[in-house]
Amino acid sequence: MSGGIDGSWLVVRFDDVLGLCPRLSQAWEAMEKNGVPLHLEVVPEWLDGTAASALAGRARRSRVPIAVHQHGTAHVNHGTQTRRFEFDDCRGVDAQLADIRQGRAVLEASLCDWFELMFSPPWNRYGASTLQALARADFTAFSCLAKPDATTHPSIAFVPMTLDPVRWRPHPRYLPWNQIQSELIASLEQDGFAGLELHHDVMTQEDVDGLDRLLEKLRALGVRFPTMQTVAEGKVPR
């Protein structure tokens, strides 16, 4: 098995970040223990001064690379309960651009040392007009769950996530971590790359321990852990 994924690359991101909660702190420690870069998908409108200071203080002490990305702007639903979205073609370019610029200003003002021009849309939904707005706002990359017919933009790099291990209904819960490991290994064997999209706010202690064991196992099998920016620059084997 190790021959199949030795040298393959995995990126890990944490969605819906609003500050430094105890569970994110525990997951952060697991990432540090295994030498895995941390990508924080921060919702700008959820971030107050106290939360920003706490994140910045922890980032300065981090033993692994840290990156802050913009996760929408307010994480509000402009769609329906069955198809939620904050960004989509029905909103138009100008409305989305105004929101994106507003969110970018918040993150540049509060977490500028770690902020990268990478955008992840809430609920993994967006449209071609969203990418046009991102280009006009000078973003260079975006990230969401990969789909065969995903819309892209020539000037914005796409960093795919290949697994969201949370099942949201009837209540949020993680898949068993042995299943998560099997699915990631399948992606790593097939493509030489995988992206893991985590939600720290629904993690239990068991999930933190599962993440720790997963990363330790993959590292032992020769998996590498690049930054998402490295992936955006096209340096990951495909």
Protein backbone atom coordinates (compact mmCIF):
# COMPACT_ATOMS: atom_id res chain seq x y z
CA MET A 1 0.00 0.00 0.00
CA SER A 2 2.78 2.43 0.85
CA GLY A 3 4.18 2.12 -2.65
CA GLY A 4 0.85 3.34 -4.02
CA ILE A 5 0.74 6.60 -2.10
CA ASP A 6 4.38 7.27 -1.21
CA GLY A 7 5.11 10.79 -2.42
CA SER A 8 1.45 11.71 -2.95
CA TRP A 9 0.18 14.97 -1.47
CA LEU A 10 -2.66 15.82 0.93
CA VAL A 11 -3.91 19.28 1.93
CA VAL A 12 -6.13 19.88 4.96
CA ARG A 13 -8.36 22.88 5.56
CA PHE A 14 -10.70 23.91 8.39
CA ASP A 15 -13.98 25.61 7.41
CA ASP A 16 -16.27 28.04 9.25
CA VAL A 17 -13.54 29.53 11.43
CA LEU A 18 -14.68 32.38 13.67
CA GLY A 19 -11.98 32.32 16.32
CA LEU A 20 -9.83 30.08 18.47
CA CYS A 21 -12.18 27.62 20.19
CA PRO A 22 -10.95 24.69 22.31
CA ARG A 23 -11.66 22.12 19.59
CA LEU A 24 -9.76 24.07 16.94
CA SER A 25 -6.88 24.39 19.40
CA GLN A 26 -6.81 20.61 19.86
CA ALA A 27 -6.95 19.98 16.12
CA TRP A 28 -4.20 22.57 15.62
CA GLU A 29 -2.00 20.62 18.04
CA ALA A 30 -2.65 17.41 16.08
CA MET A 31 -1.61 19.17 12.87
CA GLU A 32 1.56 20.47 14.52
CA LYS A 33 2.41 17.05 15.92
CA ASN A 34 2.30 15.61 12.40
CA GLY A 35 3.94 18.56 10.60
CA VAL A 36 0.85 19.43 8.54
CA PRO A 37 0.26 23.05 7.35
CA LEU A 38 -2.93 24.60 8.69
CA HIS A 39 -5.41 26.37 6.39
CA LEU A 40 -8.08 28.41 8.15
CA GLU A 41 -11.18 29.27 6.10
CA VAL A 42 -12.32 32.32 8.06
CA VAL A 43 -15.77 33.93 7.77
CA PRO A 44 -14.97 37.68 7.89
CA GLU A 45 -18.25 38.87 9.38
CA TRP A 46 -17.95 36.35 12.22
CA LEU A 47 -14.56 37.71 13.23
CA ASP A 48 -14.45 40.35 15.96
CA GLY A 49 -11.35 41.95 17.44
CA THR A 50 -11.04 39.50 20.29
CA ALA A 51 -11.29 36.48 17.97
CA ALA A 52 -8.80 37.97 15.53
CA SER A 53 -6.29 38.64 18.32
CA ALA A 54 -6.63 35.09 19.62
CA LEU A 55 -6.06 33.60 16.17
CA ALA A 56 -3.11 35.88 15.52
CA GLY A 57 -1.52 35.03 18.85
CA ARG A 58 -1.83 31.30 18.22
CA ALA A 59 -0.56 31.67 14.66
CA ARG A 60 2.59 33.38 15.89
CA ARG A 61 3.31 30.38 18.11
CA SER A 62 2.48 27.79 15.46
CA ARG A 63 5.05 25.14 14.64
CA VAL A 64 3.57 24.59 11.16
CA PRO A 65 2.81 27.03 8.32
CA ILE A 66 -0.48 28.94 8.70
CA ALA A 67 -2.67 30.44 6.00
CA VAL A 68 -5.93 32.38 6.35
CA HIS A 69 -8.40 32.23 3.46
CA GLN A 70 -11.70 34.02 2.94
CA HIS A 71 -14.70 31.71 3.50
CA GLY A 72 -17.51 33.74 2.00
CA THR A 73 -18.28 37.01 3.74
CA ALA A 74 -21.11 36.49 6.25
CA HIS A 75 -21.99 32.83 5.56
CA VAL A 76 -25.62 33.82 5.03
CA ASN A 77 -28.04 31.83 2.90
CA HIS A 78 -29.40 33.60 -0.20
CA GLY A 79 -30.93 30.38 -1.51
CA THR A 80 -33.36 27.86 -0.07
CA GLN A 81 -33.15 25.37 2.77
CA THR A 82 -32.60 22.59 0.24
CA ARG A 83 -30.02 24.50 -1.84
CA ARG A 84 -28.11 26.90 0.32
CA PHE A 85 -25.62 29.38 -1.10
CA GLU A 86 -24.07 32.72 -0.32
CA PHE A 87 -22.52 33.18 -3.77
CA ASP A 88 -24.25 32.17 -7.01
CA ASP A 89 -25.02 33.47 -10.50
CA CYS A 90 -28.50 34.66 -9.50
CA ARG A 91 -26.92 37.37 -7.34
CA GLY A 92 -24.96 38.95 -10.19
CA VAL A 93 -21.31 39.98 -10.38
CA ASP A 94 -21.58 43.40 -8.74
CA ALA A 95 -23.40 42.24 -5.60
CA GLN A 96 -20.94 39.39 -5.11
CA LEU A 97 -17.97 41.65 -5.77
CA ALA A 98 -19.12 44.10 -3.09
CA ASP A 99 -19.39 41.28 -0.55
CA ILE A 100 -16.03 39.80 -1.50
CA ARG A 101 -14.26 43.13 -1.20
CA GLN A 102 -15.92 43.80 2.14
CA GLY A 103 -14.73 40.45 3.49
CA ARG A 104 -11.24 40.86 2.10
CA ALA A 105 -10.89 44.24 3.84
CA VAL A 106 -11.73 42.65 7.20
CA LEU A 107 -9.15 39.88 6.86
CA GLU A 108 -6.43 42.19 5.55
CA ALA A 109 -6.99 44.51 8.49
CA SER A 110 -7.03 41.81 11.17
CA LEU A 111 -4.95 38.85 9.94
CA CYS A 112 -2.78 40.35 7.21
CA ASP A 113 0.35 38.38 8.16
CA TRP A 114 -1.37 35.10 7.21
CA PHE A 115 -4.03 36.17 4.72
CA GLU A 116 -3.77 34.78 1.18
CA LEU A 117 -5.96 35.74 -1.77
CA MET A 118 -7.73 32.39 -1.83
CA PHE A 119 -11.51 32.09 -1.55
CA SER A 120 -13.71 29.19 -0.47
CA PRO A 121 -17.48 29.56 -0.95
CA PRO A 122 -19.81 28.47 1.86
CA TRP A 123 -21.70 25.25 1.14
CA ASN A 124 -19.22 24.68 -1.73
CA ARG A 125 -21.50 26.54 -4.13
CA TYR A 126 -20.62 29.31 -6.57
CA GLY A 127 -21.17 30.33 -10.19
CA ALA A 128 -19.21 31.65 -13.15
CA SER A 129 -20.14 35.17 -12.02
CA THR A 130 -18.56 34.44 -8.62
CA LEU A 131 -15.26 33.69 -10.31
CA GLN A 132 -15.57 36.87 -12.38
CA ALA A 133 -16.08 38.83 -9.16
CA LEU A 134 -13.09 37.13 -7.54
CA ALA A 135 -10.91 38.02 -10.53
CA ARG A 136 -12.01 41.66 -10.29
CA ALA A 137 -11.15 41.57 -6.57
CA ASP A 138 -7.65 40.29 -7.48
CA PHE A 139 -8.03 36.84 -5.92
CA THR A 140 -5.65 34.30 -7.39
CA ALA A 141 -7.17 31.01 -6.19
CA PHE A 142 -10.36 29.41 -4.95
CA SER A 143 -11.17 26.09 -3.32
CA CYS A 144 -14.22 23.87 -3.02
CA LEU A 145 -15.26 20.25 -3.33
CA ALA A 146 -14.24 18.90 -6.71
CA LYS A 147 -16.96 18.07 -9.26
CA PRO A 148 -16.49 16.68 -12.78
CA ASP A 149 -18.22 19.69 -14.37
CA ALA A 150 -16.77 22.36 -12.05
CA THR A 151 -16.76 25.89 -13.45
CA THR A 152 -13.28 27.43 -13.57
CA HIS A 153 -11.66 30.73 -14.57
CA PRO A 154 -8.44 31.15 -16.56
CA SER A 155 -6.84 33.57 -14.11
CA ILE A 156 -7.87 31.84 -10.86
CA ALA A 157 -6.25 28.59 -9.75
CA PHE A 158 -8.51 25.84 -8.45
CA VAL A 159 -7.52 23.92 -5.30
CA PRO A 160 -9.91 20.95 -5.07
CA MET A 161 -11.16 19.33 -1.92
CA THR A 162 -11.91 15.65 -2.48
CA LEU A 163 -13.57 14.70 0.82
CA ASP A 164 -15.90 16.36 3.32
CA PRO A 165 -16.18 13.63 5.97
CA VAL A 166 -19.11 15.20 7.84
CA ARG A 167 -22.62 13.84 7.34
CA TRP A 168 -24.95 16.71 8.19
CA ARG A 169 -28.32 14.99 8.55
CA PRO A 170 -30.10 14.24 10.78
CA HIS A 171 -27.35 15.82 12.88
CA PRO A 172 -23.69 16.65 12.09
CA ARG A 173 -21.31 13.75 12.65
CA TYR A 174 -18.04 12.55 11.19
CA LEU A 175 -17.72 9.35 9.23
CA PRO A 176 -15.75 6.63 11.02
CA TRP A 177 -12.08 7.56 10.74
CA ASN A 178 -11.11 4.21 9.24
CA GLN A 179 -13.56 4.98 6.42
CA ILE A 180 -12.11 8.47 6.01
CA GLN A 181 -8.64 6.93 5.78
CA SER A 182 -9.78 4.42 3.14
CA GLU A 183 -11.41 7.11 0.99
CA LEU A 184 -8.37 9.38 1.19
CA ILE A 185 -5.99 6.56 0.32
CA ALA A 186 -8.13 5.71 -2.72
CA SER A 187 -7.85 9.32 -3.93
CA LEU A 188 -4.13 9.44 -3.22
CA GLU A 189 -3.55 6.20 -5.12
CA GLN A 190 -5.61 7.34 -8.10
CA ASP A 191 -4.59 10.99 -8.43
CA GLY A 192 -1.49 11.47 -6.26
CA PHE A 193 -3.43 14.21 -4.44
CA ALA A 194 -6.34 14.64 -2.04
CA GLY A 195 -7.96 17.51 -0.17
CA LEU A 196 -9.62 17.05 3.22
CA GLU A 197 -12.27 19.60 4.24
CA LEU A 198 -12.84 19.60 8.01
CA HIS A 199 -15.30 21.37 10.29
CA HIS A 200 -13.76 21.81 13.72
CA ASP A 201 -17.02 23.09 15.22
CA VAL A 202 -18.66 19.65 14.96
CA MET A 203 -15.59 17.67 16.05
CA THR A 204 -15.68 15.59 19.20
CA GLN A 205 -12.64 14.49 21.18
CA GLU A 206 -12.92 11.18 19.33
CA ASP A 207 -12.69 13.04 16.02
CA VAL A 208 -9.59 14.97 17.11
CA ASP A 209 -7.97 11.68 18.10
CA GLY A 210 -9.06 10.16 14.79
CA LEU A 211 -7.49 13.04 12.86
CA ASP A 212 -4.25 12.61 14.79
CA ARG A 213 -4.11 8.88 14.01
CA LEU A 214 -4.99 9.49 10.35
CA LEU A 215 -2.22 12.03 9.79
CA GLU A 216 0.31 9.88 11.62
CA LYS A 217 -0.64 6.87 9.47
CA LEU A 218 -0.48 8.78 6.18
CA ARG A 219 2.85 10.34 7.11
CA ALA A 220 4.23 6.85 7.84
CA LEU A 221 3.05 5.78 4.37
CA GLY A 222 5.06 8.55 2.73
CA VAL A 223 2.31 11.09 2.11
CA ARG A 224 3.48 14.69 1.87
CA PHE A 225 1.60 17.73 3.16
CA PRO A 226 1.99 20.83 0.98
CA THR A 227 0.36 24.20 1.47
CA MET A 228 -2.72 25.03 -0.57
CA GLN A 229 -0.73 27.86 -2.14
CA THR A 230 1.76 25.30 -3.45
CA VAL A 231 -1.15 23.42 -5.03
CA ALA A 232 -2.46 26.67 -6.54
CA GLU A 233 0.93 27.23 -8.13
CA GLY A 234 0.60 23.90 -9.89
CA LYS A 235 3.49 22.14 -8.18
CA VAL A 236 1.53 19.08 -7.01
CA PRO A 237 1.83 15.83 -8.97
CA ARG A 238 -1.30 14.88 -10.89
